[in-house]
C-alpha cells in the first residue's frame, strides 16, 4: 500500500532531507506507523508537520513514529512532536516514539521533553500500548534490564538514579523506562 492510498495527498510534497513511509497497523483502528528517515530541523519541520497533520485529519490518532532512521532532531523538530501530541490527545489518541537513536534522545532529554513522550524499545510494545488503551497503560516498573557497561541484569522498581551492583556505574532510568548513564 502506498502512502497516498493510506492518506490521500500525503506524498504530494516531497523533501529529500526527510523521508516518511506509512504503514497501517492491522486490527487497530486509527493506528499508523510512520517510518522516519533523515532529519528534522528548522527548515523541514513545517513540511513534516503538514504531512503528519494530514494523517491526523484522516483519523489516525494513534501514531507510532519509528525513529531508528532519524539521525537528528532540532528543538523545532521536537516542537512538531509536541504539536502532534496536543492534536491527538483530545481525540483520545497518543503517540509513541520508537527506537530513538541515543544522540536524538539526548536532545529530547536536554530540552526536558523525554518525560512527556511515550518512548518504547520495540514495535510489539508500542502496539500493545495502544491495544491496552493508552489511558490504562501497562506500568513499566519494575523493569529488568542489563547494565550498559557490564551487562549485569538489574531491576529498577521506579524511575530515578542508582548504582549498578556489579560495576558501580551510576545509571538513571526515566519514566519511559529508558536507561542511560547518570
N, C-alpha and C. Protein backbone atom coordinates (compact mmCIF):
# COMPACT_ATOMS: atom_id res chain seq x y z
N UNK A 1 0.83 -1.18 0.00
CA UNK A 1 0.00 0.00 0.00
C UNK A 1 0.89 1.26 0.00
N UNK A 2 0.58 2.19 -0.85
CA UNK A 2 1.38 3.42 -0.90
C UNK A 2 0.90 4.42 0.15
N UNK A 3 1.75 5.40 0.44
CA UNK A 3 1.38 6.46 1.38
C UNK A 3 0.08 7.14 0.97
N UNK A 4 -0.07 7.45 -0.34
CA UNK A 4 -1.26 8.15 -0.82
C UNK A 4 -2.53 7.30 -0.72
N UNK A 5 -2.38 5.98 -0.73
CA UNK A 5 -3.55 5.10 -0.55
C UNK A 5 -3.99 5.12 0.91
N UNK A 6 -3.05 5.25 1.82
CA UNK A 6 -3.36 5.29 3.25
C UNK A 6 -3.90 6.66 3.64
N UNK A 7 -3.17 7.71 3.23
CA UNK A 7 -3.59 9.09 3.49
C UNK A 7 -3.55 9.85 2.16
N UNK A 8 -4.71 10.07 1.55
CA UNK A 8 -4.74 10.77 0.25
C UNK A 8 -3.99 12.11 0.29
N UNK A 9 -3.11 12.32 -0.70
CA UNK A 9 -2.36 13.57 -0.79
C UNK A 9 -1.11 13.63 0.07
N UNK A 10 -0.82 12.52 0.77
CA UNK A 10 0.33 12.54 1.69
C UNK A 10 1.65 12.81 0.98
N UNK A 11 1.82 12.21 -0.18
CA UNK A 11 3.08 12.36 -0.92
C UNK A 11 3.05 13.44 -1.99
N UNK A 12 2.08 14.37 -1.92
CA UNK A 12 2.03 15.46 -2.90
C UNK A 12 3.27 16.32 -2.82
N UNK A 13 3.84 16.41 -1.63
CA UNK A 13 5.05 17.21 -1.41
C UNK A 13 6.16 16.25 -1.01
N UNK A 14 7.36 16.51 -1.46
CA UNK A 14 8.48 15.65 -1.07
C UNK A 14 9.63 16.51 -0.57
N UNK A 15 10.45 15.94 0.29
CA UNK A 15 11.62 16.63 0.81
C UNK A 15 12.71 15.58 0.96
N UNK A 16 13.84 15.79 0.33
CA UNK A 16 14.92 14.80 0.36
C UNK A 16 15.53 14.64 1.75
N UNK A 17 15.40 15.65 2.61
CA UNK A 17 16.04 15.59 3.93
C UNK A 17 15.26 14.71 4.92
N UNK A 18 13.97 14.45 4.61
CA UNK A 18 13.16 13.61 5.50
C UNK A 18 12.19 12.77 4.67
N UNK A 19 12.41 11.46 4.71
CA UNK A 19 11.51 10.54 4.01
C UNK A 19 10.61 9.90 5.07
N UNK A 20 9.31 9.81 4.72
CA UNK A 20 8.34 9.21 5.64
C UNK A 20 7.60 8.11 4.90
N UNK A 21 7.60 6.92 5.47
CA UNK A 21 6.86 5.79 4.91
C UNK A 21 5.76 5.42 5.90
N UNK A 22 4.53 5.29 5.42
CA UNK A 22 3.39 4.98 6.28
C UNK A 22 3.05 3.50 6.23
N UNK A 23 2.53 3.00 7.37
CA UNK A 23 2.04 1.62 7.42
C UNK A 23 0.91 1.56 8.44
N UNK A 24 -0.23 1.04 8.01
CA UNK A 24 -1.36 0.87 8.93
C UNK A 24 -1.06 -0.30 9.85
N UNK A 25 -1.62 -0.25 11.07
CA UNK A 25 -1.50 -1.38 11.99
C UNK A 25 -2.78 -2.19 11.88
N UNK A 26 -2.65 -3.44 11.43
CA UNK A 26 -3.82 -4.31 11.26
C UNK A 26 -4.53 -4.54 12.58
N UNK A 27 -5.85 -4.45 12.54
CA UNK A 27 -6.65 -4.74 13.72
C UNK A 27 -6.66 -3.66 14.78
N UNK A 28 -6.11 -2.50 14.47
CA UNK A 28 -6.09 -1.42 15.44
C UNK A 28 -6.53 -0.13 14.75
N UNK A 29 -7.79 0.19 14.92
CA UNK A 29 -8.41 1.35 14.26
C UNK A 29 -7.66 2.65 14.59
N UNK A 30 -7.34 3.44 13.56
CA UNK A 30 -6.74 4.75 13.76
C UNK A 30 -5.26 4.73 14.15
N UNK A 31 -4.62 3.57 14.00
CA UNK A 31 -3.20 3.45 14.38
C UNK A 31 -2.32 3.40 13.13
N UNK A 32 -1.28 4.22 13.15
CA UNK A 32 -0.40 4.37 12.00
C UNK A 32 1.06 4.38 12.43
N UNK A 33 1.88 3.64 11.70
CA UNK A 33 3.33 3.67 11.94
C UNK A 33 3.93 4.60 10.90
N UNK A 34 4.75 5.55 11.34
CA UNK A 34 5.42 6.47 10.43
C UNK A 34 6.92 6.21 10.54
N UNK A 35 7.49 5.63 9.49
CA UNK A 35 8.93 5.35 9.45
C UNK A 35 9.64 6.61 9.00
N UNK A 36 10.43 7.19 9.90
CA UNK A 36 11.13 8.44 9.60
C UNK A 36 12.56 8.14 9.21
N UNK A 37 13.01 8.76 8.12
CA UNK A 37 14.37 8.54 7.66
C UNK A 37 14.98 9.90 7.27
N UNK A 38 16.03 10.30 7.94
CA UNK A 38 16.67 11.58 7.66
C UNK A 38 16.78 12.42 8.91
N UNK A 39 16.39 13.69 8.82
CA UNK A 39 16.47 14.57 9.97
C UNK A 39 15.33 15.58 9.96
N UNK A 40 15.08 16.16 11.14
CA UNK A 40 14.04 17.20 11.26
C UNK A 40 14.70 18.42 11.87
N UNK A 41 14.67 19.53 11.14
CA UNK A 41 15.26 20.77 11.63
C UNK A 41 14.34 21.95 11.32
N UNK A 42 14.83 23.14 11.52
CA UNK A 42 14.04 24.36 11.31
C UNK A 42 13.51 24.45 9.88
N UNK A 43 14.29 23.98 8.91
CA UNK A 43 13.94 24.14 7.51
C UNK A 43 12.87 23.17 7.02
N UNK A 44 12.83 21.96 7.59
CA UNK A 44 11.85 21.00 7.09
C UNK A 44 10.76 20.64 8.10
N UNK A 45 10.76 21.25 9.27
CA UNK A 45 9.76 20.89 10.29
C UNK A 45 8.34 21.27 9.87
N UNK A 46 8.19 22.35 9.11
CA UNK A 46 6.87 22.76 8.64
C UNK A 46 6.31 21.70 7.67
N UNK A 47 7.18 21.22 6.79
CA UNK A 47 6.83 20.16 5.84
C UNK A 47 6.41 18.90 6.61
N UNK A 48 7.18 18.55 7.64
CA UNK A 48 6.91 17.39 8.49
C UNK A 48 5.55 17.55 9.17
N UNK A 49 5.30 18.71 9.74
CA UNK A 49 4.03 18.97 10.43
C UNK A 49 2.83 18.88 9.49
N UNK A 50 2.97 19.45 8.29
CA UNK A 50 1.85 19.44 7.33
C UNK A 50 1.49 18.00 6.95
N UNK A 51 2.50 17.20 6.70
CA UNK A 51 2.24 15.82 6.27
C UNK A 51 1.60 14.99 7.38
N UNK A 52 2.13 15.09 8.59
CA UNK A 52 1.58 14.30 9.70
C UNK A 52 0.18 14.80 10.05
N UNK A 53 -0.04 16.11 9.94
CA UNK A 53 -1.37 16.66 10.22
C UNK A 53 -2.42 16.10 9.25
N UNK A 54 -2.01 15.82 8.01
CA UNK A 54 -2.93 15.20 7.04
C UNK A 54 -3.39 13.84 7.56
N UNK A 55 -2.45 13.09 8.12
CA UNK A 55 -2.78 11.76 8.66
C UNK A 55 -3.74 11.88 9.85
N UNK A 56 -3.48 12.86 10.72
CA UNK A 56 -4.34 13.08 11.89
C UNK A 56 -5.75 13.47 11.44
N UNK A 57 -5.82 14.34 10.43
CA UNK A 57 -7.13 14.76 9.90
C UNK A 57 -7.91 13.59 9.31
N UNK A 58 -7.21 12.57 8.85
CA UNK A 58 -7.87 11.39 8.28
C UNK A 58 -8.24 10.38 9.37
N UNK A 59 -8.06 10.76 10.63
CA UNK A 59 -8.49 9.89 11.73
C UNK A 59 -7.41 9.03 12.35
N UNK A 60 -6.17 9.21 11.94
CA UNK A 60 -5.08 8.46 12.57
C UNK A 60 -4.63 9.23 13.81
N UNK A 61 -5.08 8.75 14.98
CA UNK A 61 -4.77 9.46 16.23
C UNK A 61 -3.87 8.65 17.15
N UNK A 62 -3.54 7.43 16.73
CA UNK A 62 -2.60 6.58 17.46
C UNK A 62 -1.37 6.47 16.57
N UNK A 63 -0.39 7.31 16.85
CA UNK A 63 0.77 7.42 15.96
C UNK A 63 2.00 6.77 16.58
N UNK A 64 2.64 5.91 15.81
CA UNK A 64 3.90 5.29 16.23
C UNK A 64 4.97 5.81 15.28
N UNK A 65 5.88 6.62 15.81
CA UNK A 65 6.98 7.16 14.99
C UNK A 65 8.17 6.23 15.14
N UNK A 66 8.52 5.53 14.06
CA UNK A 66 9.69 4.65 14.06
C UNK A 66 10.89 5.54 13.77
N UNK A 67 11.71 5.77 14.80
CA UNK A 67 12.78 6.79 14.73
C UNK A 67 14.17 6.23 14.52
N UNK A 68 14.33 4.93 14.24
CA UNK A 68 15.69 4.41 14.12
C UNK A 68 16.42 4.95 12.89
N UNK A 69 15.69 5.51 11.92
CA UNK A 69 16.33 6.12 10.75
C UNK A 69 16.44 7.63 10.86
N UNK A 70 16.08 8.15 12.02
CA UNK A 70 16.12 9.59 12.26
C UNK A 70 17.44 9.93 12.93
N UNK A 71 18.32 10.66 12.23
CA UNK A 71 19.64 10.89 12.81
C UNK A 71 19.85 12.26 13.43
N UNK A 72 18.84 13.14 13.36
CA UNK A 72 18.95 14.44 14.00
C UNK A 72 17.57 15.07 14.16
N UNK A 73 17.32 15.66 15.32
CA UNK A 73 16.10 16.42 15.55
C UNK A 73 16.48 17.69 16.28
N UNK A 74 16.11 18.85 15.71
CA UNK A 74 16.38 20.12 16.38
C UNK A 74 15.26 20.40 17.37
N UNK A 75 15.38 21.47 18.12
CA UNK A 75 14.32 21.84 19.06
C UNK A 75 13.02 22.14 18.31
N UNK A 76 13.12 22.66 17.10
CA UNK A 76 11.93 22.92 16.28
C UNK A 76 11.25 21.60 15.93
N UNK A 77 12.05 20.58 15.63
CA UNK A 77 11.51 19.25 15.34
C UNK A 77 10.78 18.67 16.54
N UNK A 78 11.34 18.85 17.73
CA UNK A 78 10.69 18.38 18.95
C UNK A 78 9.37 19.12 19.15
N UNK A 79 9.37 20.40 18.76
CA UNK A 79 8.13 21.18 18.81
C UNK A 79 7.05 20.56 17.94
N UNK A 80 7.45 19.99 16.80
CA UNK A 80 6.49 19.31 15.91
C UNK A 80 5.85 18.13 16.62
N UNK A 81 6.66 17.30 17.29
CA UNK A 81 6.11 16.15 18.01
C UNK A 81 5.15 16.61 19.11
N UNK A 82 5.50 17.72 19.76
CA UNK A 82 4.64 18.28 20.81
C UNK A 82 3.30 18.72 20.21
N UNK A 83 3.35 19.35 19.04
CA UNK A 83 2.12 19.77 18.35
C UNK A 83 1.24 18.57 18.01
N UNK A 84 1.85 17.46 17.57
CA UNK A 84 1.08 16.25 17.25
C UNK A 84 0.40 15.71 18.50
N UNK A 85 1.15 15.70 19.60
CA UNK A 85 0.62 15.20 20.86
C UNK A 85 -0.59 16.03 21.29
N UNK A 86 -0.47 17.35 21.18
CA UNK A 86 -1.58 18.25 21.53
C UNK A 86 -2.78 18.05 20.61
N UNK A 87 -2.52 17.64 19.39
CA UNK A 87 -3.58 17.44 18.41
C UNK A 87 -4.32 16.11 18.65
N UNK A 88 -3.63 15.04 18.99
CA UNK A 88 -4.27 13.72 19.11
C UNK A 88 -4.83 13.42 20.49
N UNK A 89 -4.23 13.97 21.54
CA UNK A 89 -4.68 13.70 22.92
C UNK A 89 -6.17 14.00 23.13
N UNK A 90 -6.66 15.20 22.75
CA UNK A 90 -8.09 15.50 22.97
C UNK A 90 -9.03 14.56 22.20
N UNK A 91 -8.51 13.90 21.18
CA UNK A 91 -9.32 12.98 20.37
C UNK A 91 -9.21 11.54 20.89
N UNK A 92 -8.54 11.37 22.02
CA UNK A 92 -8.39 10.03 22.58
C UNK A 92 -7.19 9.28 22.04
N UNK A 93 -6.29 9.99 21.36
CA UNK A 93 -5.11 9.35 20.78
C UNK A 93 -3.86 9.61 21.60
N UNK A 94 -2.75 9.17 21.08
CA UNK A 94 -1.45 9.38 21.72
C UNK A 94 -0.39 9.11 20.67
N UNK A 95 0.86 9.33 21.05
CA UNK A 95 1.92 8.96 20.13
C UNK A 95 3.04 8.27 20.88
N UNK A 96 3.72 7.42 20.15
CA UNK A 96 4.84 6.65 20.70
C UNK A 96 6.05 6.93 19.82
N UNK A 97 7.17 7.15 20.45
CA UNK A 97 8.44 7.30 19.73
C UNK A 97 9.19 5.99 19.93
N UNK A 98 9.60 5.40 18.82
CA UNK A 98 10.16 4.06 18.84
C UNK A 98 11.61 4.05 18.39
N UNK A 99 12.45 3.34 19.12
CA UNK A 99 13.86 3.14 18.77
C UNK A 99 14.58 4.45 18.43
N UNK A 100 14.54 5.38 19.37
CA UNK A 100 15.22 6.67 19.17
C UNK A 100 16.73 6.47 19.32
N UNK A 101 17.49 6.99 18.38
CA UNK A 101 18.95 6.90 18.47
C UNK A 101 19.43 7.71 19.69
N UNK A 102 20.49 7.25 20.36
CA UNK A 102 20.96 7.93 21.57
C UNK A 102 21.20 9.43 21.42
N UNK A 103 21.80 9.86 20.31
CA UNK A 103 22.08 11.30 20.16
C UNK A 103 20.79 12.11 19.97
N UNK A 104 19.77 11.50 19.38
CA UNK A 104 18.48 12.17 19.22
C UNK A 104 17.75 12.21 20.56
N UNK A 105 17.81 11.10 21.29
CA UNK A 105 17.18 11.03 22.62
C UNK A 105 17.78 12.09 23.55
N UNK A 106 19.08 12.29 23.41
CA UNK A 106 19.78 13.28 24.22
C UNK A 106 19.17 14.68 24.06
N UNK A 107 18.79 15.03 22.83
CA UNK A 107 18.17 16.33 22.58
C UNK A 107 16.82 16.42 23.32
N UNK A 108 16.04 15.35 23.25
CA UNK A 108 14.76 15.31 23.97
C UNK A 108 15.00 15.51 25.47
N UNK A 109 16.04 14.84 25.97
CA UNK A 109 16.35 14.92 27.39
C UNK A 109 16.85 16.30 27.80
N UNK A 110 17.77 16.84 27.04
CA UNK A 110 18.33 18.16 27.36
C UNK A 110 17.25 19.24 27.41
N UNK A 111 16.27 19.12 26.51
CA UNK A 111 15.20 20.10 26.47
C UNK A 111 14.07 19.78 27.44
N UNK A 112 14.22 18.66 28.18
CA UNK A 112 13.23 18.30 29.19
C UNK A 112 11.97 17.67 28.64
N UNK A 113 12.03 17.13 27.42
CA UNK A 113 10.83 16.57 26.80
C UNK A 113 10.72 15.05 26.92
N UNK A 114 11.78 14.39 27.39
CA UNK A 114 11.74 12.92 27.38
C UNK A 114 10.60 12.36 28.24
N UNK A 115 10.21 13.06 29.32
CA UNK A 115 9.14 12.51 30.16
C UNK A 115 7.74 12.75 29.59
N UNK A 116 7.59 13.64 28.60
CA UNK A 116 6.28 13.90 28.01
C UNK A 116 5.90 12.87 26.97
N UNK A 117 6.90 12.23 26.41
CA UNK A 117 6.65 11.31 25.31
C UNK A 117 6.75 9.87 25.77
N UNK A 118 5.95 9.05 25.13
CA UNK A 118 5.94 7.64 25.39
C UNK A 118 7.02 7.04 24.49
N UNK A 119 8.11 6.61 25.08
CA UNK A 119 9.25 6.11 24.30
C UNK A 119 9.35 4.61 24.52
N UNK A 120 9.34 3.86 23.43
CA UNK A 120 9.35 2.39 23.52
C UNK A 120 10.55 1.82 22.77
N UNK A 121 10.85 0.56 23.12
CA UNK A 121 12.01 -0.12 22.54
C UNK A 121 11.67 -0.89 21.27
N UNK A 122 10.43 -1.43 21.17
CA UNK A 122 10.11 -2.23 20.00
C UNK A 122 8.66 -2.05 19.58
N UNK A 123 8.36 -2.49 18.37
CA UNK A 123 7.05 -2.29 17.78
C UNK A 123 5.95 -3.03 18.54
N UNK A 124 6.24 -4.25 18.99
CA UNK A 124 5.23 -5.04 19.72
C UNK A 124 4.78 -4.27 20.97
N UNK A 125 5.75 -3.70 21.71
CA UNK A 125 5.45 -2.92 22.92
C UNK A 125 4.56 -1.73 22.57
N UNK A 126 4.87 -1.07 21.47
CA UNK A 126 4.11 0.12 21.04
C UNK A 126 2.68 -0.25 20.69
N UNK A 127 2.51 -1.32 19.92
CA UNK A 127 1.18 -1.74 19.51
C UNK A 127 0.38 -2.19 20.72
N UNK A 128 1.00 -2.95 21.63
CA UNK A 128 0.24 -3.41 22.80
C UNK A 128 -0.11 -2.25 23.72
N UNK A 129 0.68 -1.18 23.71
CA UNK A 129 0.34 0.02 24.48
C UNK A 129 -1.00 0.57 23.99
N UNK A 130 -1.17 0.65 22.67
CA UNK A 130 -2.42 1.15 22.11
C UNK A 130 -3.56 0.15 22.26
N UNK A 131 -3.25 -1.15 22.16
CA UNK A 131 -4.29 -2.17 22.32
C UNK A 131 -4.82 -2.17 23.75
N UNK A 132 -3.93 -1.94 24.72
CA UNK A 132 -4.34 -1.92 26.13
C UNK A 132 -5.15 -0.67 26.41
N UNK A 133 -5.07 0.30 25.51
CA UNK A 133 -5.75 1.58 25.72
C UNK A 133 -4.74 2.52 26.35
N UNK A 134 -4.38 3.57 25.63
CA UNK A 134 -3.33 4.50 26.06
C UNK A 134 -3.54 4.98 27.49
N UNK A 135 -4.80 5.20 27.89
CA UNK A 135 -5.07 5.74 29.23
C UNK A 135 -4.68 4.76 30.32
N UNK A 136 -4.93 3.48 30.07
CA UNK A 136 -4.61 2.48 31.10
C UNK A 136 -3.32 1.76 30.74
N UNK A 137 -2.32 2.52 30.45
CA UNK A 137 -1.04 2.00 30.00
C UNK A 137 -0.43 1.02 31.01
N UNK A 138 0.19 -0.02 30.48
CA UNK A 138 0.85 -1.00 31.31
C UNK A 138 2.05 -0.35 31.99
N UNK A 139 2.15 -0.57 33.29
CA UNK A 139 3.26 0.03 34.03
C UNK A 139 4.58 -0.58 33.59
N UNK A 140 5.59 0.26 33.43
CA UNK A 140 6.91 -0.22 33.01
C UNK A 140 7.71 -0.75 34.19
N UNK A 141 7.29 -0.44 35.40
CA UNK A 141 8.06 -0.80 36.58
C UNK A 141 7.33 -1.86 37.39
N UNK A 142 8.06 -2.79 38.01
CA UNK A 142 9.53 -2.88 37.99
C UNK A 142 10.04 -3.30 36.60
N UNK A 143 11.20 -2.74 36.22
CA UNK A 143 11.78 -3.01 34.91
C UNK A 143 13.10 -3.74 35.10
N UNK A 144 13.26 -4.85 34.38
CA UNK A 144 14.51 -5.61 34.41
C UNK A 144 15.27 -5.27 33.14
N UNK A 145 16.56 -4.96 33.29
CA UNK A 145 17.37 -4.58 32.13
C UNK A 145 18.82 -4.93 32.41
N UNK A 146 19.65 -4.84 31.38
CA UNK A 146 21.08 -5.14 31.52
C UNK A 146 21.85 -3.83 31.67
N UNK A 147 22.82 -3.81 32.58
CA UNK A 147 23.67 -2.63 32.74
C UNK A 147 24.38 -2.38 31.41
N UNK A 148 24.37 -1.12 30.91
CA UNK A 148 25.01 -0.84 29.62
C UNK A 148 26.54 -0.99 29.65
N UNK A 149 27.12 -1.04 30.85
CA UNK A 149 28.58 -1.16 30.97
C UNK A 149 29.01 -2.63 31.13
N UNK A 150 28.47 -3.31 32.15
CA UNK A 150 28.94 -4.67 32.45
C UNK A 150 27.94 -5.77 32.09
N UNK A 151 26.76 -5.40 31.64
CA UNK A 151 25.70 -6.33 31.23
C UNK A 151 25.05 -7.12 32.36
N UNK A 152 25.31 -6.74 33.61
CA UNK A 152 24.65 -7.41 34.75
C UNK A 152 23.16 -7.11 34.69
N UNK A 153 22.33 -8.15 34.95
CA UNK A 153 20.88 -7.95 34.99
C UNK A 153 20.53 -7.16 36.24
N UNK A 154 19.79 -6.07 36.04
CA UNK A 154 19.38 -5.21 37.14
C UNK A 154 17.88 -5.03 37.12
N UNK A 155 17.33 -4.61 38.27
CA UNK A 155 15.89 -4.39 38.37
C UNK A 155 15.66 -3.02 38.98
N UNK A 156 14.89 -2.19 38.29
CA UNK A 156 14.54 -0.86 38.82
C UNK A 156 13.07 -0.90 39.23
N UNK A 157 12.78 -0.51 40.46
CA UNK A 157 11.41 -0.52 40.96
C UNK A 157 10.66 0.74 40.55
N UNK A 158 11.43 1.83 40.32
CA UNK A 158 10.81 3.09 39.92
C UNK A 158 11.83 3.93 39.16
N UNK A 159 11.39 5.01 38.50
CA UNK A 159 12.35 5.88 37.80
C UNK A 159 13.29 6.55 38.80
N UNK A 160 14.49 6.90 38.35
CA UNK A 160 15.44 7.59 39.22
C UNK A 160 16.87 7.20 38.91
N UNK A 161 17.76 7.56 39.85
CA UNK A 161 19.19 7.26 39.69
C UNK A 161 19.58 6.15 40.66
N UNK A 162 20.50 5.31 40.22
CA UNK A 162 21.00 4.26 41.11
C UNK A 162 22.34 3.76 40.60
N UNK A 163 22.98 2.90 41.38
CA UNK A 163 24.31 2.39 41.06
C UNK A 163 24.22 0.91 40.72
N UNK A 164 24.94 0.49 39.67
CA UNK A 164 25.00 -0.92 39.30
C UNK A 164 25.69 -1.69 40.43
N UNK A 165 25.08 -2.80 40.84
CA UNK A 165 25.64 -3.58 41.96
C UNK A 165 26.95 -4.27 41.57
N UNK A 166 27.19 -4.45 40.28
CA UNK A 166 28.39 -5.14 39.81
C UNK A 166 29.55 -4.18 39.56
N UNK A 167 29.37 -3.22 38.65
CA UNK A 167 30.49 -2.36 38.22
C UNK A 167 30.46 -0.98 38.87
N UNK A 168 29.43 -0.70 39.67
CA UNK A 168 29.29 0.56 40.43
C UNK A 168 29.06 1.79 39.56
N UNK A 169 28.73 1.59 38.28
CA UNK A 169 28.42 2.72 37.40
C UNK A 169 27.11 3.36 37.84
N UNK A 170 27.05 4.68 37.82
CA UNK A 170 25.81 5.37 38.17
C UNK A 170 24.92 5.41 36.92
N UNK A 171 23.70 4.91 37.08
CA UNK A 171 22.74 4.85 35.98
C UNK A 171 21.49 5.62 36.35
N UNK A 172 20.73 5.98 35.34
CA UNK A 172 19.45 6.64 35.58
C UNK A 172 18.43 5.97 34.68
N UNK A 173 17.19 5.94 35.16
CA UNK A 173 16.10 5.40 34.36
C UNK A 173 14.96 6.40 34.44
N UNK A 174 14.42 6.76 33.26
CA UNK A 174 13.36 7.78 33.25
C UNK A 174 11.98 7.12 33.31
N UNK A 175 10.93 7.95 33.31
CA UNK A 175 9.55 7.45 33.41
C UNK A 175 9.17 6.53 32.27
N UNK A 176 9.83 6.69 31.13
CA UNK A 176 9.56 5.84 29.98
C UNK A 176 10.32 4.54 30.00
N UNK A 177 11.14 4.31 31.05
CA UNK A 177 11.91 3.09 31.17
C UNK A 177 13.22 3.12 30.42
N UNK A 178 13.59 4.29 29.89
CA UNK A 178 14.84 4.44 29.14
C UNK A 178 16.00 4.51 30.13
N UNK A 179 17.05 3.71 29.91
CA UNK A 179 18.21 3.67 30.80
C UNK A 179 19.36 4.42 30.15
N UNK A 180 20.06 5.23 30.95
CA UNK A 180 21.22 5.96 30.43
C UNK A 180 22.21 6.18 31.55
N UNK A 181 23.43 6.55 31.20
CA UNK A 181 24.44 6.83 32.20
C UNK A 181 24.06 8.08 32.95
N UNK A 182 24.14 8.01 34.28
CA UNK A 182 23.58 9.16 35.00
C UNK A 182 24.47 9.78 36.00
